[in-house]
């Protein structure tokens, strides 16, 4: 970017080109070609304004840009959408959840820091606020983070494709509610 102090010969060239009716981009190109400068169109416009020169007069039949589409009015948008306060709110009745546990497994209830490599990562607890989470801790099934019983409890029997189509349903029996 060049400074705003144009040499007098550049300013005179700007004045002469404007008198001929050239556009500012044409003026900038002509001055750059003549004097070896790198003025931009905006630099020529700024200098012309500082010199108090008006731009080239546009003819009355000069094409005007098309009008911009108006945005929808806010009142119309409000009419289309019902207010949230007017909609019926469903009533939710709190229900106490039944804690299920697999009776065949006696978890070791290890905390996260006590787990070692190869221990089952099946979580217990943590349902209530501030309730500690413990983990099963029995040996993992190969290729899983869970022991064999928890693996089948979470995934069910069969291959992934069989489970996807519903073959081999899992039937869990509630033995005891905690």
N, C-alpha and C. Protein backbone atom coordinates (compact mmCIF):
# COMPACT_ATOMS: atom_id res chain seq x y z
N UNK A 1 0.85 -1.17 0.00
CA UNK A 1 0.00 0.00 0.00
C UNK A 1 0.89 1.23 0.00
N UNK A 2 0.57 2.18 -0.84
CA UNK A 2 1.37 3.38 -0.93
C UNK A 2 0.77 4.46 -0.05
N UNK A 3 1.59 5.45 0.26
CA UNK A 3 1.11 6.52 1.13
C UNK A 3 0.10 7.38 0.38
N UNK A 4 -0.62 8.21 1.12
CA UNK A 4 -1.65 9.05 0.52
C UNK A 4 -1.06 10.32 -0.10
N UNK A 5 0.24 10.51 0.02
CA UNK A 5 0.88 11.70 -0.57
C UNK A 5 1.26 11.37 -2.01
N UNK A 6 0.40 11.73 -2.91
CA UNK A 6 0.66 11.50 -4.33
C UNK A 6 1.54 12.63 -4.85
N UNK A 7 2.49 12.33 -5.71
CA UNK A 7 3.26 13.39 -6.36
C UNK A 7 2.33 14.27 -7.20
N UNK A 8 2.67 15.55 -7.38
CA UNK A 8 1.78 16.46 -8.12
C UNK A 8 1.48 15.99 -9.53
N UNK A 9 2.45 15.36 -10.21
CA UNK A 9 2.17 14.91 -11.58
C UNK A 9 1.14 13.78 -11.62
N UNK A 10 1.12 12.95 -10.58
CA UNK A 10 0.10 11.89 -10.51
C UNK A 10 -1.27 12.50 -10.27
N UNK A 11 -1.34 13.49 -9.40
CA UNK A 11 -2.62 14.15 -9.12
C UNK A 11 -3.14 14.86 -10.36
N UNK A 12 -2.25 15.50 -11.12
CA UNK A 12 -2.67 16.18 -12.35
C UNK A 12 -3.17 15.18 -13.39
N UNK A 13 -2.52 14.02 -13.46
CA UNK A 13 -2.98 12.98 -14.38
C UNK A 13 -4.36 12.49 -13.97
N UNK A 14 -4.58 12.32 -12.66
CA UNK A 14 -5.89 11.92 -12.16
C UNK A 14 -6.94 12.95 -12.56
N UNK A 15 -6.63 14.22 -12.39
CA UNK A 15 -7.57 15.29 -12.72
C UNK A 15 -7.89 15.27 -14.23
N UNK A 16 -6.85 15.08 -15.05
CA UNK A 16 -7.04 15.08 -16.50
C UNK A 16 -7.88 13.89 -16.96
N UNK A 17 -7.61 12.72 -16.40
CA UNK A 17 -8.37 11.52 -16.78
C UNK A 17 -9.83 11.63 -16.35
N UNK A 18 -10.07 12.22 -15.17
CA UNK A 18 -11.45 12.40 -14.72
C UNK A 18 -12.19 13.36 -15.65
N UNK A 19 -11.47 14.37 -16.13
CA UNK A 19 -12.10 15.34 -17.04
C UNK A 19 -12.50 14.67 -18.35
N UNK A 20 -11.77 13.64 -18.73
CA UNK A 20 -12.11 12.90 -19.96
C UNK A 20 -13.25 11.91 -19.75
N UNK A 21 -13.68 11.73 -18.51
CA UNK A 21 -14.80 10.83 -18.23
C UNK A 21 -14.41 9.38 -17.99
N UNK A 22 -13.15 9.15 -17.68
CA UNK A 22 -12.70 7.76 -17.43
C UNK A 22 -13.16 7.30 -16.05
N UNK A 23 -13.33 5.98 -15.90
CA UNK A 23 -13.69 5.42 -14.59
C UNK A 23 -12.43 5.38 -13.73
N UNK A 24 -12.62 5.24 -12.43
CA UNK A 24 -11.48 5.21 -11.52
C UNK A 24 -10.58 4.00 -11.76
N UNK A 25 -11.15 2.87 -12.14
CA UNK A 25 -10.30 1.70 -12.43
C UNK A 25 -9.47 1.95 -13.68
N UNK A 26 -10.05 2.61 -14.69
CA UNK A 26 -9.28 2.95 -15.90
C UNK A 26 -8.21 3.99 -15.58
N UNK A 27 -8.54 4.94 -14.71
CA UNK A 27 -7.57 5.97 -14.32
C UNK A 27 -6.39 5.33 -13.59
N UNK A 28 -6.68 4.40 -12.67
CA UNK A 28 -5.61 3.75 -11.92
C UNK A 28 -4.71 2.97 -12.88
N UNK A 29 -5.29 2.27 -13.84
CA UNK A 29 -4.48 1.52 -14.82
C UNK A 29 -3.62 2.46 -15.65
N UNK A 30 -4.20 3.60 -16.08
CA UNK A 30 -3.45 4.55 -16.92
C UNK A 30 -2.30 5.18 -16.14
N UNK A 31 -2.55 5.58 -14.90
CA UNK A 31 -1.49 6.19 -14.09
C UNK A 31 -0.40 5.16 -13.80
N UNK A 32 -0.78 3.93 -13.48
CA UNK A 32 0.21 2.88 -13.22
C UNK A 32 1.06 2.61 -14.45
N UNK A 33 0.44 2.61 -15.63
CA UNK A 33 1.19 2.36 -16.87
C UNK A 33 2.14 3.51 -17.18
N UNK A 34 1.69 4.73 -16.93
CA UNK A 34 2.51 5.89 -17.27
C UNK A 34 3.66 6.10 -16.30
N UNK A 35 3.41 5.95 -14.99
CA UNK A 35 4.41 6.29 -13.98
C UNK A 35 5.05 5.05 -13.33
N UNK A 36 4.60 3.85 -13.67
CA UNK A 36 5.17 2.63 -13.08
C UNK A 36 4.79 2.46 -11.62
N UNK A 37 3.60 2.92 -11.24
CA UNK A 37 3.13 2.79 -9.86
C UNK A 37 2.20 1.59 -9.73
N UNK A 38 1.67 1.42 -8.55
CA UNK A 38 0.74 0.30 -8.30
C UNK A 38 -0.47 0.81 -7.54
N UNK A 39 -1.08 1.88 -8.02
CA UNK A 39 -2.28 2.40 -7.38
C UNK A 39 -3.47 1.49 -7.69
N UNK A 40 -4.31 1.32 -6.69
CA UNK A 40 -5.54 0.55 -6.90
C UNK A 40 -6.68 1.49 -7.27
N UNK A 41 -7.77 0.94 -7.68
CA UNK A 41 -8.96 1.73 -7.99
C UNK A 41 -9.38 2.52 -6.77
N UNK A 42 -9.36 1.87 -5.60
CA UNK A 42 -9.78 2.54 -4.37
C UNK A 42 -8.83 3.67 -4.00
N UNK A 43 -7.53 3.50 -4.30
CA UNK A 43 -6.58 4.58 -4.04
C UNK A 43 -6.91 5.79 -4.91
N UNK A 44 -7.27 5.55 -6.18
CA UNK A 44 -7.63 6.64 -7.07
C UNK A 44 -8.91 7.33 -6.61
N UNK A 45 -9.88 6.55 -6.13
CA UNK A 45 -11.12 7.13 -5.62
C UNK A 45 -10.83 7.99 -4.40
N UNK A 46 -10.04 7.47 -3.48
CA UNK A 46 -9.71 8.22 -2.26
C UNK A 46 -8.98 9.52 -2.58
N UNK A 47 -8.02 9.46 -3.50
CA UNK A 47 -7.29 10.67 -3.86
C UNK A 47 -8.22 11.68 -4.54
N UNK A 48 -9.10 11.20 -5.39
CA UNK A 48 -10.06 12.09 -6.05
C UNK A 48 -10.96 12.79 -5.04
N UNK A 49 -11.40 12.07 -4.01
CA UNK A 49 -12.25 12.67 -2.98
C UNK A 49 -11.46 13.69 -2.17
N UNK A 50 -10.20 13.37 -1.83
CA UNK A 50 -9.38 14.32 -1.06
C UNK A 50 -9.09 15.58 -1.87
N UNK A 51 -9.05 15.43 -3.18
CA UNK A 51 -8.81 16.59 -4.05
C UNK A 51 -10.11 17.36 -4.31
N UNK A 52 -11.23 16.82 -3.87
CA UNK A 52 -12.52 17.48 -4.06
C UNK A 52 -13.09 17.30 -5.44
N UNK A 53 -12.65 16.27 -6.12
CA UNK A 53 -13.13 16.01 -7.48
C UNK A 53 -14.33 15.08 -7.43
N UNK A 54 -15.27 15.31 -8.29
CA UNK A 54 -16.42 14.41 -8.40
C UNK A 54 -16.07 13.31 -9.37
N UNK A 55 -16.75 12.22 -9.27
CA UNK A 55 -16.53 11.11 -10.18
C UNK A 55 -17.12 11.41 -11.54
N UNK A 56 -16.90 10.55 -12.51
CA UNK A 56 -17.47 10.77 -13.83
C UNK A 56 -18.99 10.74 -13.74
N UNK A 57 -19.61 11.63 -14.49
CA UNK A 57 -21.07 11.71 -14.48
C UNK A 57 -21.65 10.47 -15.16
N UNK A 58 -22.62 9.89 -14.54
CA UNK A 58 -23.29 8.73 -15.12
C UNK A 58 -24.46 9.21 -15.94
N UNK A 59 -24.69 8.59 -17.07
CA UNK A 59 -25.86 8.98 -17.85
C UNK A 59 -27.14 8.61 -17.11
N UNK A 60 -28.23 9.27 -17.44
CA UNK A 60 -29.50 9.02 -16.76
C UNK A 60 -30.03 7.62 -17.03
N UNK A 61 -29.66 7.05 -18.17
CA UNK A 61 -30.16 5.71 -18.50
C UNK A 61 -29.20 4.61 -18.03
N UNK A 62 -28.27 4.96 -17.12
CA UNK A 62 -27.32 3.98 -16.60
C UNK A 62 -28.11 2.89 -15.87
N UNK A 63 -27.81 1.60 -16.14
CA UNK A 63 -28.60 0.54 -15.49
C UNK A 63 -28.40 0.53 -13.97
N UNK A 64 -29.50 0.46 -13.29
CA UNK A 64 -29.47 0.41 -11.83
C UNK A 64 -29.48 -1.05 -11.38
N UNK A 65 -28.86 -1.32 -10.23
CA UNK A 65 -28.89 -2.71 -9.76
C UNK A 65 -30.31 -3.14 -9.43
N UNK A 66 -30.62 -4.43 -9.60
CA UNK A 66 -31.98 -4.89 -9.31
C UNK A 66 -32.28 -4.72 -7.82
N UNK A 67 -33.52 -4.43 -7.48
CA UNK A 67 -33.86 -4.26 -6.06
C UNK A 67 -33.70 -5.58 -5.32
N UNK A 68 -33.25 -5.46 -4.10
CA UNK A 68 -33.08 -6.65 -3.26
C UNK A 68 -34.44 -7.14 -2.79
N UNK A 69 -34.53 -8.45 -2.65
CA UNK A 69 -35.78 -9.04 -2.16
C UNK A 69 -35.96 -8.65 -0.71
N UNK A 70 -37.17 -8.27 -0.37
CA UNK A 70 -37.42 -7.87 1.01
C UNK A 70 -37.53 -9.12 1.89
N UNK A 71 -37.06 -8.94 3.09
CA UNK A 71 -37.15 -10.05 4.05
C UNK A 71 -38.57 -10.15 4.57
N UNK A 72 -39.01 -11.38 4.95
CA UNK A 72 -40.36 -11.50 5.50
C UNK A 72 -40.46 -10.72 6.81
N UNK A 73 -41.59 -10.13 6.99
CA UNK A 73 -41.78 -9.31 8.18
C UNK A 73 -41.90 -10.20 9.40
N UNK A 74 -41.41 -9.71 10.53
CA UNK A 74 -41.39 -10.48 11.76
C UNK A 74 -42.79 -10.82 12.24
N UNK A 75 -43.74 -9.91 12.03
CA UNK A 75 -45.11 -10.19 12.48
C UNK A 75 -45.69 -11.40 11.76
N UNK A 76 -45.39 -11.52 10.46
CA UNK A 76 -45.90 -12.65 9.69
C UNK A 76 -45.28 -13.95 10.17
N UNK A 77 -44.00 -13.91 10.52
CA UNK A 77 -43.36 -15.11 11.03
C UNK A 77 -43.98 -15.55 12.34
N UNK A 78 -44.31 -14.59 13.17
CA UNK A 78 -44.92 -14.93 14.46
C UNK A 78 -46.30 -15.54 14.28
N UNK A 79 -47.04 -15.08 13.26
CA UNK A 79 -48.37 -15.62 13.02
C UNK A 79 -48.31 -17.07 12.57
N UNK A 80 -47.25 -17.41 11.80
CA UNK A 80 -47.16 -18.76 11.27
C UNK A 80 -46.84 -19.80 12.34
N UNK A 81 -46.04 -19.41 13.30
CA UNK A 81 -45.61 -20.36 14.32
C UNK A 81 -46.35 -20.07 15.62
N UNK A 82 -46.98 -21.10 16.13
CA UNK A 82 -47.70 -20.94 17.39
C UNK A 82 -46.69 -20.71 18.51
N UNK A 83 -47.01 -19.83 19.44
CA UNK A 83 -46.07 -19.60 20.54
C UNK A 83 -45.95 -20.84 21.42
N UNK A 84 -44.77 -20.98 21.98
CA UNK A 84 -44.52 -22.16 22.83
C UNK A 84 -45.45 -22.19 24.04
N UNK A 85 -45.80 -21.01 24.57
CA UNK A 85 -46.63 -20.99 25.77
C UNK A 85 -48.06 -21.46 25.48
N UNK A 86 -48.49 -21.41 24.23
CA UNK A 86 -49.85 -21.82 23.89
C UNK A 86 -49.99 -23.31 23.65
N UNK A 87 -48.90 -23.99 23.49
CA UNK A 87 -48.95 -25.43 23.22
C UNK A 87 -49.12 -26.20 24.53
N UNK A 88 -49.87 -27.30 24.49
CA UNK A 88 -50.01 -28.09 25.71
C UNK A 88 -48.69 -28.77 26.07
N UNK A 89 -48.37 -28.73 27.33
CA UNK A 89 -47.13 -29.32 27.80
C UNK A 89 -47.45 -30.70 28.37
N UNK A 90 -46.75 -31.73 27.90
CA UNK A 90 -47.04 -33.06 28.45
C UNK A 90 -46.65 -33.13 29.92
N UNK A 91 -47.43 -33.87 30.67
CA UNK A 91 -47.18 -34.01 32.10
C UNK A 91 -46.40 -35.30 32.31
N UNK A 92 -45.25 -35.16 32.90
CA UNK A 92 -44.41 -36.32 33.18
C UNK A 92 -44.50 -36.63 34.67
N UNK A 93 -44.86 -37.84 34.95
CA UNK A 93 -44.94 -38.28 36.33
C UNK A 93 -43.65 -39.02 36.66
N UNK A 94 -42.94 -38.59 37.68
CA UNK A 94 -41.70 -39.29 38.01
C UNK A 94 -41.98 -40.73 38.44
N UNK A 95 -41.24 -41.64 37.88
CA UNK A 95 -41.39 -43.05 38.20
C UNK A 95 -40.07 -43.54 38.76
N UNK A 96 -40.14 -44.26 39.84
CA UNK A 96 -38.92 -44.80 40.42
C UNK A 96 -38.43 -45.95 39.54
N UNK A 97 -37.19 -45.86 39.13
CA UNK A 97 -36.64 -46.91 38.27
C UNK A 97 -36.25 -48.11 39.09
N UNK A 98 -36.43 -49.26 38.48
CA UNK A 98 -36.07 -50.51 39.13
C UNK A 98 -34.64 -50.83 38.75
N UNK A 99 -33.80 -51.02 39.74
CA UNK A 99 -32.42 -51.38 39.47
C UNK A 99 -32.34 -52.88 39.24
N UNK A 100 -31.86 -53.24 38.07
CA UNK A 100 -31.70 -54.65 37.74
C UNK A 100 -30.24 -55.03 37.92
N UNK A 101 -30.02 -56.20 38.35
CA UNK A 101 -28.64 -56.66 38.42
C UNK A 101 -28.61 -58.12 38.04
N UNK A 102 -27.50 -58.52 37.49
CA UNK A 102 -27.33 -59.89 37.06
C UNK A 102 -26.90 -60.69 38.30
N UNK A 103 -27.76 -61.61 38.75
CA UNK A 103 -27.53 -62.31 40.01
C UNK A 103 -26.38 -63.31 39.90
N UNK A 104 -26.15 -63.81 38.68
CA UNK A 104 -25.11 -64.82 38.54
C UNK A 104 -23.71 -64.24 38.71
N UNK A 105 -23.59 -62.92 38.64
CA UNK A 105 -22.28 -62.28 38.75
C UNK A 105 -22.19 -61.59 40.10
N UNK A 106 -21.13 -61.87 40.81
CA UNK A 106 -20.85 -61.18 42.06
C UNK A 106 -19.72 -60.21 41.77
N UNK A 107 -20.05 -58.93 41.43
CA UNK A 107 -19.00 -58.00 41.03
C UNK A 107 -18.03 -57.70 42.17
N UNK A 108 -16.84 -57.35 41.80
CA UNK A 108 -15.81 -57.01 42.78
C UNK A 108 -15.92 -55.55 43.22
N UNK A 109 -16.72 -54.74 42.53
CA UNK A 109 -16.93 -53.33 42.83
C UNK A 109 -15.61 -52.58 43.02
N UNK A 110 -14.81 -52.60 41.95
CA UNK A 110 -13.54 -51.89 41.96
C UNK A 110 -13.75 -50.46 41.46
N UNK A 111 -12.99 -49.52 42.02
CA UNK A 111 -13.06 -48.16 41.47
C UNK A 111 -12.16 -48.11 40.23
N UNK A 112 -12.25 -47.04 39.48
CA UNK A 112 -11.53 -46.93 38.22
C UNK A 112 -10.02 -47.06 38.42
N UNK A 113 -9.51 -46.52 39.50
CA UNK A 113 -8.06 -46.57 39.75
C UNK A 113 -7.58 -47.96 40.14
N UNK A 114 -8.49 -48.79 40.65
CA UNK A 114 -8.11 -50.14 41.06
C UNK A 114 -8.16 -51.14 39.91
N UNK A 115 -8.82 -50.78 38.80
CA UNK A 115 -8.91 -51.70 37.67
C UNK A 115 -7.53 -51.94 37.08
N UNK A 116 -7.29 -53.16 36.72
CA UNK A 116 -6.02 -53.52 36.08
C UNK A 116 -6.30 -53.95 34.65
N UNK A 117 -5.24 -54.14 33.90
CA UNK A 117 -5.38 -54.57 32.52
C UNK A 117 -6.06 -55.95 32.52
N UNK A 118 -7.11 -56.08 31.72
CA UNK A 118 -7.82 -57.36 31.63
C UNK A 118 -8.99 -57.48 32.57
N UNK A 119 -9.31 -56.45 33.37
CA UNK A 119 -10.47 -56.50 34.26
C UNK A 119 -11.71 -56.02 33.53
N UNK A 120 -12.86 -56.58 33.86
CA UNK A 120 -14.14 -56.21 33.26
C UNK A 120 -14.49 -54.76 33.61
N UNK A 121 -14.90 -54.00 32.60
CA UNK A 121 -15.20 -52.57 32.78
C UNK A 121 -16.70 -52.31 32.90
N UNK A 122 -17.51 -53.32 33.19
CA UNK A 122 -18.95 -53.12 33.30
C UNK A 122 -19.24 -52.26 34.54
N UNK A 123 -19.96 -51.11 34.34
CA UNK A 123 -20.16 -50.19 35.46
C UNK A 123 -21.34 -50.57 36.34
N UNK A 124 -21.23 -50.24 37.61
CA UNK A 124 -22.30 -50.38 38.59
C UNK A 124 -22.46 -49.05 39.30
N UNK A 125 -23.69 -48.65 39.55
CA UNK A 125 -23.94 -47.42 40.29
C UNK A 125 -23.83 -46.19 39.41
N UNK A 126 -23.73 -45.02 40.05
CA UNK A 126 -23.63 -43.77 39.34
C UNK A 126 -24.95 -43.24 38.84
N UNK A 127 -26.08 -43.88 39.23
CA UNK A 127 -27.38 -43.43 38.76
C UNK A 127 -27.83 -42.17 39.47
N UNK A 128 -27.59 -42.09 40.79
CA UNK A 128 -27.97 -40.92 41.56
C UNK A 128 -26.86 -39.89 41.55
N UNK A 129 -27.21 -38.66 41.89
CA UNK A 129 -26.21 -37.61 41.92
C UNK A 129 -25.24 -37.86 43.06
N UNK A 130 -23.98 -37.86 42.74
CA UNK A 130 -22.94 -38.07 43.73
C UNK A 130 -22.70 -39.54 44.07
N UNK A 131 -23.47 -40.44 43.46
CA UNK A 131 -23.29 -41.87 43.73
C UNK A 131 -22.02 -42.37 43.03
N UNK A 132 -21.21 -43.09 43.74
CA UNK A 132 -19.95 -43.58 43.20
C UNK A 132 -20.20 -44.66 42.15
N UNK A 133 -19.32 -44.73 41.18
CA UNK A 133 -19.39 -45.76 40.15
C UNK A 133 -18.31 -46.78 40.44
N UNK A 134 -18.71 -48.04 40.41
CA UNK A 134 -17.73 -49.12 40.58
C UNK A 134 -17.81 -50.02 39.34
N UNK A 135 -16.85 -50.91 39.22
CA UNK A 135 -16.78 -51.78 38.04
C UNK A 135 -16.70 -53.23 38.48
N UNK A 136 -17.13 -54.12 37.55
CA UNK A 136 -17.20 -55.55 37.83
C UNK A 136 -15.84 -56.10 38.27
N UNK A 137 -14.82 -55.96 37.44
CA UNK A 137 -13.47 -56.37 37.82
C UNK A 137 -13.12 -57.82 37.55
N UNK A 138 -14.06 -58.65 37.06
CA UNK A 138 -13.72 -60.04 36.73
C UNK A 138 -12.90 -60.07 35.44
N UNK A 139 -12.26 -61.19 35.11
CA UNK A 139 -11.43 -61.25 33.89
C UNK A 139 -12.26 -61.00 32.63
N UNK A 140 -11.68 -60.21 31.69
CA UNK A 140 -12.35 -59.87 30.45
C UNK A 140 -12.42 -61.05 29.50
N UNK A 141 -13.45 -61.03 28.68
CA UNK A 141 -13.57 -61.96 27.57
C UNK A 141 -12.60 -61.50 26.49
N UNK A 142 -11.93 -62.39 25.78
CA UNK A 142 -10.99 -61.96 24.73
C UNK A 142 -11.69 -61.10 23.67
N UNK A 143 -11.11 -59.94 23.36
CA UNK A 143 -11.66 -59.05 22.36
C UNK A 143 -12.79 -58.17 22.86
N UNK A 144 -12.98 -58.09 24.18
CA UNK A 144 -14.06 -57.30 24.74
C UNK A 144 -13.55 -56.56 25.97
N UNK A 145 -14.31 -55.54 26.39
CA UNK A 145 -13.98 -54.83 27.62
C UNK A 145 -14.70 -55.43 28.81
N UNK A 146 -15.60 -56.40 28.52
CA UNK A 146 -16.42 -56.99 29.57
C UNK A 146 -16.07 -58.46 29.77
N UNK A 147 -16.47 -58.97 30.94
CA UNK A 147 -16.36 -60.41 31.17
C UNK A 147 -17.41 -61.10 30.30
N UNK A 148 -17.38 -62.42 30.22
CA UNK A 148 -18.28 -63.15 29.32
C UNK A 148 -19.74 -62.91 29.66
N UNK A 149 -20.10 -62.93 30.95
CA UNK A 149 -21.50 -62.75 31.33
C UNK A 149 -21.99 -61.34 31.01
N UNK A 150 -21.18 -60.32 31.28
CA UNK A 150 -21.59 -58.96 30.95
C UNK A 150 -21.59 -58.72 29.43
N UNK A 151 -20.69 -59.39 28.72
CA UNK A 151 -20.68 -59.28 27.27
C UNK A 151 -22.02 -59.75 26.71
N UNK A 152 -22.49 -60.91 27.15
CA UNK A 152 -23.76 -61.44 26.67
C UNK A 152 -24.94 -60.62 27.20
N UNK A 153 -24.79 -60.04 28.37
CA UNK A 153 -25.86 -59.21 28.92
C UNK A 153 -26.05 -57.96 28.08
N UNK A 154 -24.94 -57.38 27.62
CA UNK A 154 -25.05 -56.13 26.85
C UNK A 154 -25.28 -56.37 25.37
N UNK A 155 -24.76 -57.43 24.82
CA UNK A 155 -24.84 -57.61 23.37
C UNK A 155 -25.77 -58.73 22.95
N UNK A 156 -25.96 -59.69 23.77
CA UNK A 156 -26.80 -60.81 23.40
C UNK A 156 -26.01 -61.84 22.63
N UNK A 157 -26.58 -63.04 22.47
CA UNK A 157 -25.87 -64.10 21.77
C UNK A 157 -25.90 -63.89 20.26
N UNK A 158 -25.05 -64.59 19.56
CA UNK A 158 -25.03 -64.54 18.10
C UNK A 158 -24.04 -63.51 17.59
N UNK A 159 -23.89 -63.51 16.28
CA UNK A 159 -22.98 -62.58 15.65
C UNK A 159 -23.67 -61.22 15.50
N UNK A 160 -22.89 -60.21 15.11
CA UNK A 160 -23.45 -58.87 14.95
C UNK A 160 -24.53 -58.85 13.87
N UNK A 161 -24.32 -59.61 12.78
CA UNK A 161 -25.33 -59.62 11.72
C UNK A 161 -26.59 -60.34 12.18
N UNK A 162 -26.44 -61.38 13.01
CA UNK A 162 -27.63 -62.06 13.53
C UNK A 162 -28.40 -61.15 14.47
N UNK A 163 -27.68 -60.38 15.31
CA UNK A 163 -28.37 -59.46 16.21
C UNK A 163 -29.06 -58.35 15.43
N UNK A 164 -28.48 -57.94 14.30
CA UNK A 164 -29.07 -56.86 13.51
C UNK A 164 -30.41 -57.26 12.92
N UNK A 165 -30.57 -58.52 12.53
CA UNK A 165 -31.84 -58.96 11.95
C UNK A 165 -32.77 -59.58 12.98
N UNK A 166 -32.34 -59.66 14.21
CA UNK A 166 -33.22 -60.14 15.27
C UNK A 166 -33.16 -61.63 15.50
N UNK A 167 -32.19 -62.32 14.92
CA UNK A 167 -32.05 -63.75 15.16
C UNK A 167 -31.35 -63.93 16.50
N UNK A 168 -31.76 -64.88 17.25
CA UNK A 168 -31.13 -65.17 18.53
C UNK A 168 -31.52 -64.13 19.57
N UNK A 169 -32.76 -64.14 19.99
CA UNK A 169 -33.22 -63.14 20.96
C UNK A 169 -32.64 -63.44 22.33
N UNK A 170 -32.49 -62.42 23.12
CA UNK A 170 -31.96 -62.55 24.47
C UNK A 170 -33.13 -62.49 25.43
N UNK A 171 -33.21 -63.45 26.28
CA UNK A 171 -34.26 -63.41 27.29
C UNK A 171 -33.59 -63.30 28.65
N UNK A 172 -33.83 -62.19 29.32
CA UNK A 172 -33.27 -61.97 30.63
C UNK A 172 -34.38 -62.22 31.65
N UNK A 173 -33.97 -62.82 32.72
CA UNK A 173 -34.93 -63.14 33.76
C UNK A 173 -34.61 -62.27 34.96
N UNK A 174 -35.60 -61.53 35.44
CA UNK A 174 -35.41 -60.70 36.61
C UNK A 174 -35.51 -61.60 37.83
N UNK A 175 -34.36 -61.78 38.46
CA UNK A 175 -34.32 -62.66 39.62
C UNK A 175 -34.53 -61.87 40.88
N UNK A 176 -33.94 -60.68 40.90
CA UNK A 176 -34.05 -59.91 42.13
C UNK A 176 -33.96 -58.43 41.76
N UNK A 177 -34.81 -57.63 42.35
CA UNK A 177 -34.75 -56.18 42.14
C UNK A 177 -34.06 -55.56 43.35
N UNK A 178 -33.10 -54.71 43.06
CA UNK A 178 -32.35 -54.12 44.16
C UNK A 178 -33.06 -52.89 44.69
